[in-house]
Every structure is written in C-alpha cells, then in structure tokens.
C-alpha atoms as a PDB file:
ATOM      1  CA  UNK A   1       0.000   0.000   0.000  1.00  0.00           C
ATOM      2  CA  UNK A   2       1.345   3.441  -0.957  1.00  0.00           C
ATOM      3  CA  UNK A   3       2.178   5.984   1.780  1.00  0.00           C
ATOM      4  CA  UNK A   4      -0.565   8.240   0.445  1.00  0.00           C
ATOM      5  CA  UNK A   5      -3.234   5.524   0.770  1.00  0.00           C
ATOM      6  CA  UNK A   6      -3.370   5.510   4.579  1.00  0.00           C
ATOM      7  CA  UNK A   7      -2.983   7.822   7.581  1.00  0.00           C
ATOM      8  CA  UNK A   8      -0.649   7.306  10.534  1.00  0.00           C
ATOM      9  CA  UNK A   9      -2.289   8.294  13.825  1.00  0.00           C
ATOM     10  CA  UNK A  10       0.043   9.097  16.717  1.00  0.00           C
ATOM     11  CA  UNK A  11      -1.293   8.744  20.265  1.00  0.00           C
ATOM     12  CA  UNK A  12       1.065   9.969  23.005  1.00  0.00           C
ATOM     13  CA  UNK A  13       0.427  12.164  26.020  1.00  0.00           C
ATOM     14  CA  UNK A  14       3.816  13.898  25.597  1.00  0.00           C
ATOM     15  CA  UNK A  15       3.495  16.767  23.120  1.00  0.00           C
ATOM     16  CA  UNK A  16       7.217  16.818  22.297  1.00  0.00           C
ATOM     17  CA  UNK A  17       7.148  13.120  21.383  1.00  0.00           C
ATOM     18  CA  UNK A  18       4.031  13.545  19.227  1.00  0.00           C
ATOM     19  CA  UNK A  19       5.431  16.489  17.324  1.00  0.00           C
ATOM     20  CA  UNK A  20       8.888  14.985  16.843  1.00  0.00           C
ATOM     21  CA  UNK A  21       7.504  11.702  15.528  1.00  0.00           C
ATOM     22  CA  UNK A  22       4.922  13.475  13.355  1.00  0.00           C
ATOM     23  CA  UNK A  23       7.604  15.714  11.844  1.00  0.00           C
ATOM     24  CA  UNK A  24       9.861  12.758  11.020  1.00  0.00           C
ATOM     25  CA  UNK A  25       7.034  10.774   9.408  1.00  0.00           C
ATOM     26  CA  UNK A  26       5.736  13.778   7.479  1.00  0.00           C
ATOM     27  CA  UNK A  27       9.232  14.397   6.114  1.00  0.00           C
ATOM     28  CA  UNK A  28       9.238  10.768   4.968  1.00  0.00           C
ATOM     29  CA  UNK A  29       6.041  11.249   2.991  1.00  0.00           C
ATOM     30  CA  UNK A  30       3.404   9.883   5.387  1.00  0.00           C
ATOM     31  CA  UNK A  31       0.020  11.462   6.093  1.00  0.00           C
ATOM     32  CA  UNK A  32      -0.039  12.028   9.858  1.00  0.00           C
ATOM     33  CA  UNK A  33      -2.620  12.992  12.446  1.00  0.00           C
ATOM     34  CA  UNK A  34      -1.846  13.532  16.150  1.00  0.00           C
ATOM     35  CA  UNK A  35      -3.977  12.731  19.222  1.00  0.00           C
ATOM     36  CA  UNK A  36      -3.034  13.820  22.733  1.00  0.00           C
ATOM     37  CA  UNK A  37      -4.762  10.956  24.557  1.00  0.00           C
ATOM     38  CA  UNK A  38      -6.105   7.445  24.077  1.00  0.00           C
ATOM     39  CA  UNK A  39      -9.592   8.675  24.977  1.00  0.00           C
ATOM     40  CA  UNK A  40      -9.462  11.329  22.256  1.00  0.00           C
ATOM     41  CA  UNK A  41      -8.425   8.765  19.656  1.00  0.00           C
ATOM     42  CA  UNK A  42     -11.154   6.324  20.743  1.00  0.00           C
ATOM     43  CA  UNK A  43     -13.746   9.021  20.083  1.00  0.00           C
ATOM     44  CA  UNK A  44     -12.330   9.449  16.589  1.00  0.00           C
ATOM     45  CA  UNK A  45     -11.671   5.757  15.837  1.00  0.00           C
ATOM     46  CA  UNK A  46     -15.123   4.684  14.553  1.00  0.00           C
ATOM     47  CA  UNK A  47     -14.745   7.030  11.570  1.00  0.00           C
ATOM     48  CA  UNK A  48     -11.102   6.127  10.830  1.00  0.00           C
ATOM     49  CA  UNK A  49     -10.382   4.511   7.469  1.00  0.00           C
ATOM     50  CA  UNK A  50      -7.114   3.050   6.176  1.00  0.00           C
ATOM     51  CA  UNK A  51      -5.436   3.837   9.488  1.00  0.00           C
ATOM     52  CA  UNK A  52      -2.208   2.784  11.177  1.00  0.00           C
ATOM     53  CA  UNK A  53      -1.936   3.655  14.865  1.00  0.00           C
ATOM     54  CA  UNK A  54       1.292   4.377  16.750  1.00  0.00           C
ATOM     55  CA  UNK A  55       0.629   4.447  20.478  1.00  0.00           C
ATOM     56  CA  UNK A  56       2.744   4.674  23.578  1.00  0.00           C
ATOM     57  CA  UNK A  57       2.108   1.948  26.159  1.00  0.00           C
ATOM     58  CA  UNK A  58       2.176   4.089  29.286  1.00  0.00           C
ATOM     59  CA  UNK A  59      -0.345   6.940  29.248  1.00  0.00           C
ATOM     60  CA  UNK A  60      -2.250   8.545  32.142  1.00  0.00           C
ATOM     61  CA  UNK A  61      -5.798   8.031  30.902  1.00  0.00           C
ATOM     62  CA  UNK A  62      -5.495   4.539  29.433  1.00  0.00           C
ATOM     63  CA  UNK A  63      -2.649   2.123  28.683  1.00  0.00           C
ATOM     64  CA  UNK A  64      -1.758   1.242  25.120  1.00  0.00           C
ATOM     65  CA  UNK A  65      -2.909  -2.326  25.779  1.00  0.00           C
ATOM     66  CA  UNK A  66      -6.320  -1.125  26.946  1.00  0.00           C
ATOM     67  CA  UNK A  67      -6.587   1.140  23.907  1.00  0.00           C
ATOM     68  CA  UNK A  68      -5.848  -1.715  21.498  1.00  0.00           C
ATOM     69  CA  UNK A  69      -8.392  -3.976  23.183  1.00  0.00           C
ATOM     70  CA  UNK A  70     -11.095  -1.308  23.009  1.00  0.00           C
ATOM     71  CA  UNK A  71     -10.264  -0.564  19.381  1.00  0.00           C
ATOM     72  CA  UNK A  72     -11.066  -4.169  18.530  1.00  0.00           C
ATOM     73  CA  UNK A  73     -14.695  -3.505  19.474  1.00  0.00           C
ATOM     74  CA  UNK A  74     -14.851  -0.024  17.888  1.00  0.00           C
ATOM     75  CA  UNK A  75     -12.872  -0.381  14.670  1.00  0.00           C
ATOM     76  CA  UNK A  76     -11.001  -3.632  14.168  1.00  0.00           C
ATOM     77  CA  UNK A  77      -9.556  -2.434  10.861  1.00  0.00           C
ATOM     78  CA  UNK A  78      -7.048  -0.085  12.531  1.00  0.00           C
ATOM     79  CA  UNK A  79      -3.544  -1.571  12.589  1.00  0.00           C
ATOM     80  CA  UNK A  80      -1.697  -0.682  15.845  1.00  0.00           C
ATOM     81  CA  UNK A  81       2.035  -0.420  16.527  1.00  0.00           C
ATOM     82  CA  UNK A  82       3.238   0.249  20.076  1.00  0.00           C
ATOM     83  CA  UNK A  83       6.321   2.099  21.273  1.00  0.00           C
ATOM     84  CA  UNK A  84       7.698   1.139  24.642  1.00  0.00           C
ATOM     85  CA  UNK A  85      10.501   1.535  27.151  1.00  0.00           C
ATOM     86  CA  UNK A  86      12.853  -1.404  27.724  1.00  0.00           C
ATOM     87  CA  UNK A  87      11.159  -2.347  31.000  1.00  0.00           C
ATOM     88  CA  UNK A  88       7.763  -2.556  29.321  1.00  0.00           C
ATOM     89  CA  UNK A  89       8.577  -5.502  27.037  1.00  0.00           C
ATOM     90  CA  UNK A  90       6.208  -7.948  28.847  1.00  0.00           C
ATOM     91  CA  UNK A  91       3.398  -5.390  28.431  1.00  0.00           C
ATOM     92  CA  UNK A  92       4.378  -4.927  24.794  1.00  0.00           C
ATOM     93  CA  UNK A  93       4.109  -8.679  24.205  1.00  0.00           C
ATOM     94  CA  UNK A  94       0.656  -8.539  25.818  1.00  0.00           C
ATOM     95  CA  UNK A  95      -0.240  -5.748  23.394  1.00  0.00           C
ATOM     96  CA  UNK A  96       0.763  -7.958  20.462  1.00  0.00           C
ATOM     97  CA  UNK A  97      -1.499 -10.701  21.778  1.00  0.00           C
ATOM     98  CA  UNK A  98      -4.268  -8.099  21.911  1.00  0.00           C
ATOM     99  CA  UNK A  99      -3.716  -7.260  18.253  1.00  0.00           C
ATOM    100  CA  UNK A 100      -0.689  -4.977  17.912  1.00  0.00           C
ATOM    101  CA  UNK A 101       1.267  -5.573  14.727  1.00  0.00           C
ATOM    102  CA  UNK A 102       4.634  -4.746  16.275  1.00  0.00           C
ATOM    103  CA  UNK A 103       6.359  -3.039  19.169  1.00  0.00           C
ATOM    104  CA  UNK A 104       9.358  -0.745  18.976  1.00  0.00           C
ATOM    105  CA  UNK A 105      11.651  -0.196  21.964  1.00  0.00           C
ATOM    106  CA  UNK A 106      12.800   3.303  22.900  1.00  0.00           C
ATOM    107  CA  UNK A 107      15.039   4.920  21.890  1.00  0.00           C
ATOM    108  CA  UNK A 108      14.197   3.756  18.388  1.00  0.00           C
ATOM    109  CA  UNK A 109      15.818   4.311  15.020  1.00  0.00           C
ATOM    110  CA  UNK A 110      13.592   6.078  12.484  1.00  0.00           C
ATOM    111  CA  UNK A 111      14.053   3.196  10.046  1.00  0.00           C
ATOM    112  CA  UNK A 112      12.607   0.682  12.520  1.00  0.00           C
ATOM    113  CA  UNK A 113       9.374   2.566  13.046  1.00  0.00           C
ATOM    114  CA  UNK A 114       8.970   3.263   9.312  1.00  0.00           C
ATOM    115  CA  UNK A 115       9.381  -0.461   8.608  1.00  0.00           C
ATOM    116  CA  UNK A 116       6.815  -1.272  11.318  1.00  0.00           C
ATOM    117  CA  UNK A 117       4.343   1.193   9.757  1.00  0.00           C
ATOM    118  CA  UNK A 118       4.752  -0.456   6.359  1.00  0.00           C
ATOM    119  CA  UNK A 119       4.163  -3.907   7.899  1.00  0.00           C
ATOM    120  CA  UNK A 120       1.021  -2.595   9.579  1.00  0.00           C
ATOM    121  CA  UNK A 121      -0.186  -0.946   6.370  1.00  0.00           C
ATOM    122  CA  UNK A 122       0.306  -4.199   4.450  1.00  0.00           C
ATOM    123  CA  UNK A 123      -2.471  -5.661   6.591  1.00  0.00           C
ATOM    124  CA  UNK A 124      -4.928  -3.012   5.416  1.00  0.00           C
ATOM    125  CA  UNK A 125      -5.190  -4.743   2.034  1.00  0.00           C
ATOM    126  CA  UNK A 126      -5.334  -8.429   1.112  1.00  0.00           C
ATOM    127  CA  UNK A 127      -1.837  -9.908   1.059  1.00  0.00           C
ATOM    128  CA  UNK A 128      -0.684 -12.661  -1.258  1.00  0.00           C
ATOM    129  CA  UNK A 129       1.655 -15.382  -0.076  1.00  0.00           C
ATOM    130  CA  UNK A 130       0.801 -14.891   3.595  1.00  0.00           C
ATOM    131  CA  UNK A 131       0.032 -18.584   4.090  1.00  0.00           C
ATOM    132  CA  UNK A 132       3.422 -19.533   2.666  1.00  0.00           C
ATOM    133  CA  UNK A 133       5.133 -17.185   5.118  1.00  0.00           C
ATOM    134  CA  UNK A 134       3.271 -18.718   8.048  1.00  0.00           C
ATOM    135  CA  UNK A 135       4.174 -22.209   6.894  1.00  0.00           C
ATOM    136  CA  UNK A 136       7.822 -21.181   6.713  1.00  0.00           C
ATOM    137  CA  UNK A 137       7.706 -19.900  10.273  1.00  0.00           C
ATOM    138  CA  UNK A 138       5.972 -23.073  11.462  1.00  0.00           C
ATOM    139  CA  UNK A 139       8.713 -25.155   9.810  1.00  0.00           C
ATOM    140  CA  UNK A 140      11.318 -23.128  11.688  1.00  0.00           C
ATOM    141  CA  UNK A 141       9.492 -23.666  14.961  1.00  0.00           C
ATOM    142  CA  UNK A 142       9.391 -27.404  14.234  1.00  0.00           C
ATOM    143  CA  UNK A 143      13.185 -27.351  13.869  1.00  0.00           C
ATOM    144  CA  UNK A 144      13.629 -26.139  17.459  1.00  0.00           C
ATOM    145  CA  UNK A 145      14.662 -28.548  20.198  1.00  0.00           C
ATOM    146  CA  UNK A 146      12.318 -29.121  23.140  1.00  0.00           C
ATOM    147  CA  UNK A 147      14.374 -26.787  25.347  1.00  0.00           C
ATOM    148  CA  UNK A 148      14.477 -24.110  22.633  1.00  0.00           C
ATOM    149  CA  UNK A 149      10.693 -24.327  22.346  1.00  0.00           C
ATOM    150  CA  UNK A 150      10.431 -23.820  26.103  1.00  0.00           C
ATOM    151  CA  UNK A 151      12.643 -20.746  25.872  1.00  0.00           C
ATOM    152  CA  UNK A 152      10.625 -19.394  22.919  1.00  0.00           C
ATOM    153  CA  UNK A 153       7.419 -19.933  24.879  1.00  0.00           C
ATOM    154  CA  UNK A 154       8.846 -17.977  27.819  1.00  0.00           C
ATOM    155  CA  UNK A 155      10.056 -15.176  25.523  1.00  0.00           C
ATOM    156  CA  UNK A 156       6.600 -14.908  23.941  1.00  0.00           C
ATOM    157  CA  UNK A 157       5.204 -14.686  27.486  1.00  0.00           C
ATOM    158  CA  UNK A 158       7.445 -11.650  28.012  1.00  0.00           C
ATOM    159  CA  UNK A 159       9.673 -13.219  30.680  1.00  0.00           C
ATOM    160  CA  UNK A 160      13.219 -11.875  31.205  1.00  0.00           C
ATOM    161  CA  UNK A 161      16.214 -14.225  31.058  1.00  0.00           C
ATOM    162  CA  UNK A 162      16.546 -14.523  34.847  1.00  0.00           C
ATOM    163  CA  UNK A 163      12.907 -15.596  35.219  1.00  0.00           C
ATOM    164  CA  UNK A 164      13.274 -18.100  32.367  1.00  0.00           C
ATOM    165  CA  UNK A 165      16.396 -19.525  34.018  1.00  0.00           C
ATOM    166  CA  UNK A 166      14.569 -19.921  37.319  1.00  0.00           C
ATOM    167  CA  UNK A 167      11.516 -21.577  35.743  1.00  0.00           C
ATOM    168  CA  UNK A 168      13.597 -24.017  33.679  1.00  0.00           C
ATOM    169  CA  UNK A 169      16.174 -24.594  36.450  1.00  0.00           C
ATOM    170  CA  UNK A 170      19.096 -23.603  34.216  1.00  0.00           C
ATOM    171  CA  UNK A 171      21.632 -20.758  34.355  1.00  0.00           C
ATOM    172  CA  UNK A 172      20.935 -17.339  32.814  1.00  0.00           C
ATOM    173  CA  UNK A 173      23.952 -17.912  30.557  1.00  0.00           C
ATOM    174  CA  UNK A 174      22.397 -21.132  29.259  1.00  0.00           C
ATOM    175  CA  UNK A 175      19.167 -19.228  28.587  1.00  0.00           C
ATOM    176  CA  UNK A 176      21.159 -16.695  26.549  1.00  0.00           C
ATOM    177  CA  UNK A 177      22.672 -19.521  24.475  1.00  0.00           C
ATOM    178  CA  UNK A 178      19.272 -21.126  23.832  1.00  0.00           C
ATOM    179  CA  UNK A 179      17.728 -17.743  23.043  1.00  0.00           C
ATOM    180  CA  UNK A 180      20.511 -16.998  20.536  1.00  0.00           C
ATOM    181  CA  UNK A 181      19.925 -20.396  18.923  1.00  0.00           C
ATOM    182  CA  UNK A 182      16.190 -19.688  18.700  1.00  0.00           C
ATOM    183  CA  UNK A 183      16.832 -16.302  17.091  1.00  0.00           C
ATOM    184  CA  UNK A 184      19.174 -17.916  14.558  1.00  0.00           C
ATOM    185  CA  UNK A 185      16.874 -20.835  13.686  1.00  0.00           C
ATOM    186  CA  UNK A 186      13.873 -18.533  13.399  1.00  0.00           C
ATOM    187  CA  UNK A 187      15.892 -16.051  11.286  1.00  0.00           C
ATOM    188  CA  UNK A 188      14.695 -13.252  13.590  1.00  0.00           C
ATOM    189  CA  UNK A 189      16.748 -10.054  13.687  1.00  0.00           C
ATOM    190  CA  UNK A 190      15.204  -8.715  16.899  1.00  0.00           C
ATOM    191  CA  UNK A 191      13.024  -9.663  19.870  1.00  0.00           C
ATOM    192  CA  UNK A 192       9.929  -7.884  18.454  1.00  0.00           C
ATOM    193  CA  UNK A 193      10.370  -9.729  15.165  1.00  0.00           C
ATOM    194  CA  UNK A 194      10.713 -13.077  16.972  1.00  0.00           C
ATOM    195  CA  UNK A 195       7.524 -12.473  18.986  1.00  0.00           C
ATOM    196  CA  UNK A 196       5.642 -11.274  15.914  1.00  0.00           C
ATOM    197  CA  UNK A 197       6.648 -14.355  13.910  1.00  0.00           C
ATOM    198  CA  UNK A 198       5.713 -16.759  16.703  1.00  0.00           C
ATOM    199  CA  UNK A 199       2.289 -15.195  17.274  1.00  0.00           C
ATOM    200  CA  UNK A 200       1.560 -15.037  13.537  1.00  0.00           C
ATOM    201  CA  UNK A 201       2.266 -18.779  13.323  1.00  0.00           C
ATOM    202  CA  UNK A 202      -0.112 -19.506  16.196  1.00  0.00           C
ATOM    203  CA  UNK A 203       2.647 -20.283  18.709  1.00  0.00           C
ATOM    204  CA  UNK A 204       1.625 -19.101  22.147  1.00  0.00           C
ATOM    205  CA  UNK A 205       3.165 -19.127  25.573  1.00  0.00           C
ATOM    206  CA  UNK A 206       2.510 -22.251  27.623  1.00  0.00           C
END
C-alpha cells in the first residue's frame, strides 16, 4: 500500500514526542494525524479509514494495551504499533497478543518505526503469499529442540532471562545460548520480530 493511501495516527500524552515523531514521518512522505490521549483517539476511531496507529504503552488516561483492546470492538480495521521503554517488554508482548502488529523499543531508530508502519499498512489490504510465510515460520518452529521451544514460549510470554532460568532450572547464561539459537533458527533479527513471527504462526506461551 502506498504511503498516500493511509494515515498514521500518533497517540502519546507527551506533546514533544508527538510532534517529533509526526515531523519525522511527514518528512518521509506519510500522512499524519496527532492525538493527545487514548480517549481522544477512541472518540475518533469509529470514523477512521485506512489507518495505522502508533501508540505509547504508558499513558495517564489509558494504557496502550487497553486502547488496542477497546479498538477491537470499535474499529477492528485499525492496525496498531506500540512504542515502549525497555522495562515494558512484557506489556508490549501482551499488546501484540491483543492485536498490535509490532512493538518498537525506545530509543528507536527512524528506520525501525517506518518499517513497522509499512508492515502494519500491508495488513490493510489483502496480502498474497501470507500462508506460505506462516508455513515457513511453522517449519522453523518445528526445527527447534524441546528446550528451545520452552525458551521461545517464555520469551513470547514476556519473561526476562533470569525468570526463564529460574523456571527451567538452568543458568541465565544457558538461557542466553538457547535464546541466541532460537533467534538464529527462526531467522529473527530482533526480539519484536521473533515475537511477531511466533504469534503469527499460532505459537503461544505455555
């Protein structure tokens, strides 16, 4: 889908963040609209068409997860992407289970968020070859060892390495090795990409 065929809606309670992100996206050719709160965007959402949402997770009136869940009942066609601090990764994973297309950790590179917007926009129109992609991911999951599957399940659940090590009764270093193997076998370049691939293939936390 062309940049001019959809609008990127930015929801963040911090004005400086909204304006900075809007300026960057506008300079990159996107149509942008800003909203200062989740409540304000929810009021607008029923009339939104061809929309990609970028929302912060932590906002005073409503969390990004709550916003995404409510959007599903108001306008399920909106494609959400969440931006989050490092400590909010478990919440970000929860947001993806609720329907977010991706999550981007702060501080983020402009390229990462532009790529996430394009992935979200791709879902606004029928996509060819999607089944083949899912089958490829499922084949990669099938190639994982039992322990690697356990680690992937814990990662999808949003657990940090220390918690995974405790649950599986192994050392944090061993978790890091298994996690690196999972990333390699899944051909995932980042944690958000790994989680997105697993959820798209129907793999959920135990």
